PDB file of all heavy atoms in Angstrom:
ATOM      1  N   THR A   1       4.032   3.678  -8.824  1.00  0.00           N
ATOM      2  CA  THR A   1       5.077   4.292  -8.208  1.00  0.00           C
ATOM      3  C   THR A   1       4.633   4.622  -6.779  1.00  0.00           C
ATOM      4  O   THR A   1       5.426   4.349  -5.775  1.00  0.00           O
ATOM      5  CB  THR A   1       5.436   5.701  -8.830  1.00  0.00           C
ATOM      6  OG1 THR A   1       5.888   5.349 -10.209  1.00  0.00           O
ATOM      7  CG2 THR A   1       6.481   6.494  -8.048  1.00  0.00           C
ATOM      8  N   LEU A   2       3.402   5.099  -6.558  1.00  0.00           N
ATOM      9  CA  LEU A   2       2.923   5.375  -5.147  1.00  0.00           C
ATOM     10  C   LEU A   2       2.847   4.025  -4.306  1.00  0.00           C
ATOM     11  O   LEU A   2       3.213   4.126  -3.200  1.00  0.00           O
ATOM     12  CB  LEU A   2       1.638   6.086  -5.255  1.00  0.00           C
ATOM     13  CG  LEU A   2       1.571   7.421  -5.881  1.00  0.00           C
ATOM     14  CD1 LEU A   2       0.174   7.888  -5.954  1.00  0.00           C
ATOM     15  CD2 LEU A   2       2.500   8.401  -5.214  1.00  0.00           C
ATOM     16  N   GLN A   3       2.421   3.000  -4.990  1.00  0.00           N
ATOM     17  CA  GLN A   3       2.389   1.801  -4.161  1.00  0.00           C
ATOM     18  C   GLN A   3       3.717   1.354  -3.800  1.00  0.00           C
ATOM     19  O   GLN A   3       3.875   0.782  -2.573  1.00  0.00           O
ATOM     20  CB  GLN A   3       1.685   0.719  -5.062  1.00  0.00           C
ATOM     21  CG  GLN A   3       0.166   0.939  -5.178  1.00  0.00           C
ATOM     22  CD  GLN A   3      -0.452  -0.087  -6.118  1.00  0.00           C
ATOM     23  OE1 GLN A   3       0.125  -0.666  -7.039  1.00  0.00           O
ATOM     24  NE2 GLN A   3      -1.745  -0.384  -5.899  1.00  0.00           N
ATOM     25  N   SER A   4       4.660   1.406  -4.560  1.00  0.00           N
ATOM     26  CA  SER A   4       6.090   1.114  -4.316  1.00  0.00           C
ATOM     27  C   SER A   4       6.567   1.931  -3.155  1.00  0.00           C
ATOM     28  O   SER A   4       7.243   1.428  -2.220  1.00  0.00           O
ATOM     29  CB  SER A   4       6.964   1.208  -5.487  1.00  0.00           C
ATOM     30  OG  SER A   4       6.664   0.276  -6.453  1.00  0.00           O
ATOM     31  N   LYS A   5       6.390   3.329  -3.179  1.00  0.00           N
ATOM     32  CA  LYS A   5       6.851   4.229  -2.222  1.00  0.00           C
ATOM     33  C   LYS A   5       6.159   3.901  -0.893  1.00  0.00           C
ATOM     34  O   LYS A   5       6.891   3.817   0.164  1.00  0.00           O
ATOM     35  CB  LYS A   5       6.425   5.679  -2.638  1.00  0.00           C
ATOM     36  CG  LYS A   5       6.832   6.733  -1.740  1.00  0.00           C
ATOM     37  CD  LYS A   5       6.647   8.047  -2.398  1.00  0.00           C
ATOM     38  CE  LYS A   5       7.138   9.199  -1.384  1.00  0.00           C
ATOM     39  NZ  LYS A   5       8.529   9.168  -1.077  1.00  0.00           N
ATOM     40  N   VAL A   6       4.860   3.521  -0.870  1.00  0.00           N
ATOM     41  CA  VAL A   6       4.208   3.282   0.373  1.00  0.00           C
ATOM     42  C   VAL A   6       4.733   1.968   0.999  1.00  0.00           C
ATOM     43  O   VAL A   6       4.929   1.862   2.100  1.00  0.00           O
ATOM     44  CB  VAL A   6       2.754   3.239   0.212  1.00  0.00           C
ATOM     45  CG1 VAL A   6       1.916   2.554   1.474  1.00  0.00           C
ATOM     46  CG2 VAL A   6       2.112   4.619  -0.120  1.00  0.00           C
ATOM     47  N   ALA A   7       4.932   0.963   0.125  1.00  0.00           N
ATOM     48  CA  ALA A   7       5.436  -0.307   0.505  1.00  0.00           C
ATOM     49  C   ALA A   7       6.766  -0.135   1.195  1.00  0.00           C
ATOM     50  O   ALA A   7       7.062  -0.777   2.223  1.00  0.00           O
ATOM     51  CB  ALA A   7       5.649  -1.310  -0.772  1.00  0.00           C
ATOM     52  N   ALA A   8       7.663   0.681   0.646  1.00  0.00           N
ATOM     53  CA  ALA A   8       8.956   0.861   1.225  1.00  0.00           C
ATOM     54  C   ALA A   8       8.817   1.663   2.649  1.00  0.00           C
ATOM     55  O   ALA A   8       9.597   1.411   3.563  1.00  0.00           O
ATOM     56  CB  ALA A   8       9.863   1.692   0.298  1.00  0.00           C
ATOM     57  N   GLU A   9       7.919   2.570   2.696  1.00  0.00           N
ATOM     58  CA  GLU A   9       7.714   3.388   3.900  1.00  0.00           C
ATOM     59  C   GLU A   9       7.054   2.558   4.992  1.00  0.00           C
ATOM     60  O   GLU A   9       7.310   2.842   6.194  1.00  0.00           O
ATOM     61  CB  GLU A   9       6.848   4.616   3.653  1.00  0.00           C
ATOM     62  CG  GLU A   9       7.564   5.601   2.774  1.00  0.00           C
ATOM     63  CD  GLU A   9       6.661   6.776   2.310  1.00  0.00           C
ATOM     64  OE1 GLU A   9       5.393   6.599   2.414  1.00  0.00           O
ATOM     65  OE2 GLU A   9       7.110   7.752   1.702  1.00  0.00           O
ATOM     66  N   LYS A  10       6.321   1.558   4.673  1.00  0.00           N
ATOM     67  CA  LYS A  10       5.629   0.757   5.662  1.00  0.00           C
ATOM     68  C   LYS A  10       6.635   0.115   6.550  1.00  0.00           C
ATOM     69  O   LYS A  10       6.480  -0.066   7.800  1.00  0.00           O
ATOM     70  CB  LYS A  10       4.870  -0.407   5.058  1.00  0.00           C
ATOM     71  CG  LYS A  10       3.500   0.003   4.430  1.00  0.00           C
ATOM     72  CD  LYS A  10       2.852  -1.193   3.842  1.00  0.00           C
ATOM     73  CE  LYS A  10       1.595  -0.791   3.084  1.00  0.00           C
ATOM     74  NZ  LYS A  10       0.982  -2.070   2.494  1.00  0.00           N
ATOM     75  N   THR A  11       7.827  -0.238   6.056  1.00  0.00           N
ATOM     76  CA  THR A  11       8.877  -0.932   6.873  1.00  0.00           C
ATOM     77  C   THR A  11       9.357  -0.115   8.069  1.00  0.00           C
ATOM     78  O   THR A  11       9.836  -0.630   9.100  1.00  0.00           O
ATOM     79  CB  THR A  11      10.007  -1.396   5.996  1.00  0.00           C
ATOM     80  OG1 THR A  11      10.615  -0.194   5.440  1.00  0.00           O
ATOM     81  CG2 THR A  11       9.565  -2.382   4.858  1.00  0.00           C
ATOM     82  N   SER A  12       9.228   1.316   7.981  1.00  0.00           N
ATOM     83  CA  SER A  12       9.672   2.105   8.921  1.00  0.00           C
ATOM     84  C   SER A  12       8.506   2.395   9.964  1.00  0.00           C
ATOM     85  O   SER A  12       8.668   2.928  11.070  1.00  0.00           O
ATOM     86  CB  SER A  12      10.107   3.430   8.341  1.00  0.00           C
ATOM     87  OG  SER A  12       9.030   4.146   7.858  1.00  0.00           O
ATOM     88  N   GLY A  13       7.381   1.855   9.719  1.00  0.00           N
ATOM     89  CA  GLY A  13       6.163   2.009  10.505  1.00  0.00           C
ATOM     90  C   GLY A  13       5.473   3.405  10.424  1.00  0.00           C
ATOM     91  O   GLY A  13       4.595   3.779  11.163  1.00  0.00           O
ATOM     92  N   LYS A  14       5.994   4.259   9.418  1.00  0.00           N
ATOM     93  CA  LYS A  14       5.298   5.570   9.225  1.00  0.00           C
ATOM     94  C   LYS A  14       5.356   5.885   7.705  1.00  0.00           C
ATOM     95  O   LYS A  14       6.454   5.686   7.054  1.00  0.00           O
ATOM     96  CB  LYS A  14       6.119   6.517  10.029  1.00  0.00           C
ATOM     97  CG  LYS A  14       5.553   7.984   9.852  1.00  0.00           C
ATOM     98  CD  LYS A  14       6.360   8.979  10.622  1.00  0.00           C
ATOM     99  CE  LYS A  14       5.808  10.360  10.515  1.00  0.00           C
ATOM    100  NZ  LYS A  14       6.541  11.369  11.276  1.00  0.00           N
ATOM    101  N   LEU A  15       4.209   6.348   7.230  1.00  0.00           N
ATOM    102  CA  LEU A  15       4.185   6.738   5.815  1.00  0.00           C
ATOM    103  C   LEU A  15       4.534   8.219   5.657  1.00  0.00           C
ATOM    104  O   LEU A  15       4.576   8.988   6.664  1.00  0.00           O
ATOM    105  CB  LEU A  15       2.780   6.528   5.162  1.00  0.00           C
ATOM    106  CG  LEU A  15       2.126   5.163   5.298  1.00  0.00           C
ATOM    107  CD1 LEU A  15       0.874   5.079   4.544  1.00  0.00           C
ATOM    108  CD2 LEU A  15       3.079   4.119   4.758  1.00  0.00           C
ATOM    109  N   GLY A  16       4.822   8.603   4.450  1.00  0.00           N
ATOM    110  CA  GLY A  16       5.287  10.086   4.245  1.00  0.00           C
ATOM    111  C   GLY A  16       4.098  10.938   3.851  1.00  0.00           C
ATOM    112  O   GLY A  16       4.252  12.112   3.452  1.00  0.00           O
ATOM    113  N   CYS A  17       2.844  10.435   4.037  1.00  0.00           N
ATOM    114  CA  CYS A  17       1.700  11.118   3.563  1.00  0.00           C
ATOM    115  C   CYS A  17       0.452  11.095   4.685  1.00  0.00           C
ATOM    116  O   CYS A  17       0.568  10.226   5.594  1.00  0.00           O
ATOM    117  CB  CYS A  17       1.120  10.745   2.269  1.00  0.00           C
ATOM    118  SG  CYS A  17       0.532   8.862   2.345  1.00  0.00           S
ATOM    119  N   ASP A  18      -0.370  11.947   4.538  1.00  0.00           N
ATOM    120  CA  ASP A  18      -1.582  11.934   5.356  1.00  0.00           C
ATOM    121  C   ASP A  18      -2.853  11.542   4.617  1.00  0.00           C
ATOM    122  O   ASP A  18      -3.832  11.052   5.198  1.00  0.00           O
ATOM    123  CB  ASP A  18      -1.873  13.285   5.944  1.00  0.00           C
ATOM    124  CG  ASP A  18      -0.606  13.795   6.628  1.00  0.00           C
ATOM    125  OD1 ASP A  18      -0.355  13.299   7.755  1.00  0.00           O
ATOM    126  OD2 ASP A  18       0.256  14.565   6.154  1.00  0.00           O
ATOM    127  N   ILE A  19      -2.833  11.748   3.327  1.00  0.00           N
ATOM    128  CA  ILE A  19      -3.986  11.369   2.478  1.00  0.00           C
ATOM    129  C   ILE A  19      -3.410  10.698   1.149  1.00  0.00           C
ATOM    130  O   ILE A  19      -2.365  11.170   0.699  1.00  0.00           O
ATOM    131  CB  ILE A  19      -4.770  12.693   2.065  1.00  0.00           C
ATOM    132  CG1 ILE A  19      -5.494  13.263   3.286  1.00  0.00           C
ATOM    133  CG2 ILE A  19      -5.792  12.442   0.849  1.00  0.00           C
ATOM    134  CD1 ILE A  19      -6.236  14.550   2.946  1.00  0.00           C
ATOM    135  N   LEU A  20      -4.178   9.789   0.594  1.00  0.00           N
ATOM    136  CA  LEU A  20      -3.833   9.078  -0.632  1.00  0.00           C
ATOM    137  C   LEU A  20      -4.976   9.254  -1.597  1.00  0.00           C
ATOM    138  O   LEU A  20      -6.099   9.068  -1.230  1.00  0.00           O
ATOM    139  CB  LEU A  20      -3.610   7.645  -0.375  1.00  0.00           C
ATOM    140  CG  LEU A  20      -2.126   7.190   0.184  1.00  0.00           C
ATOM    141  CD1 LEU A  20      -2.241   5.804   0.942  1.00  0.00           C
ATOM    142  CD2 LEU A  20      -1.206   7.119  -0.999  1.00  0.00           C
ATOM    143  N   MET A  21      -4.650   9.662  -2.773  1.00  0.00           N
ATOM    144  CA  MET A  21      -5.567   9.743  -3.901  1.00  0.00           C
ATOM    145  C   MET A  21      -5.014   9.025  -5.113  1.00  0.00           C
ATOM    146  O   MET A  21      -4.440   9.691  -6.023  1.00  0.00           O
ATOM    147  CB  MET A  21      -5.866  11.204  -4.250  1.00  0.00           C
ATOM    148  CG  MET A  21      -6.583  12.075  -3.007  1.00  0.00           C
ATOM    149  SD  MET A  21      -6.637  13.763  -3.364  1.00  0.00           S
ATOM    150  CE  MET A  21      -7.817  13.870  -4.568  1.00  0.00           C
ATOM    151  N   VAL A  22      -5.163   7.694  -5.150  1.00  0.00           N
ATOM    152  CA  VAL A  22      -4.695   6.877  -6.140  1.00  0.00           C
ATOM    153  C   VAL A  22      -5.756   6.646  -7.229  1.00  0.00           C
ATOM    154  O   VAL A  22      -6.839   7.092  -7.127  1.00  0.00           O
ATOM    155  CB  VAL A  22      -4.118   5.498  -5.639  1.00  0.00           C
ATOM    156  CG1 VAL A  22      -2.885   5.779  -4.742  1.00  0.00           C
ATOM    157  CG2 VAL A  22      -5.123   4.751  -4.885  1.00  0.00           C
ATOM    158  N   ALA A  23      -5.295   5.866  -8.286  1.00  0.00           N
ATOM    159  CA  ALA A  23      -6.232   5.676  -9.519  1.00  0.00           C
ATOM    160  C   ALA A  23      -7.387   4.833  -9.206  1.00  0.00           C
ATOM    161  O   ALA A  23      -8.519   5.121  -9.676  1.00  0.00           O
ATOM    162  CB  ALA A  23      -5.366   5.196 -10.708  1.00  0.00           C
ATOM    163  N   GLU A  24      -7.194   3.802  -8.449  1.00  0.00           N
ATOM    164  CA  GLU A  24      -8.242   2.721  -8.260  1.00  0.00           C
ATOM    165  C   GLU A  24      -8.444   2.284  -6.830  1.00  0.00           C
ATOM    166  O   GLU A  24      -7.452   2.196  -6.140  1.00  0.00           O
ATOM    167  CB  GLU A  24      -8.071   1.640  -9.431  1.00  0.00           C
ATOM    168  CG  GLU A  24      -6.735   1.034  -9.397  1.00  0.00           C
ATOM    169  CD  GLU A  24      -6.616  -0.096  -8.499  1.00  0.00           C
ATOM    170  OE1 GLU A  24      -7.586  -0.625  -7.949  1.00  0.00           O
ATOM    171  OE2 GLU A  24      -5.400  -0.572  -8.236  1.00  0.00           O
TER     172      GLU A  24
END
């Protein structure tokens, strides 16, 4: 889910987060 969210946000040139803590 997070990877899909980040992929969608990349297109705008800005992510919705400052830190990522994913599983792997």
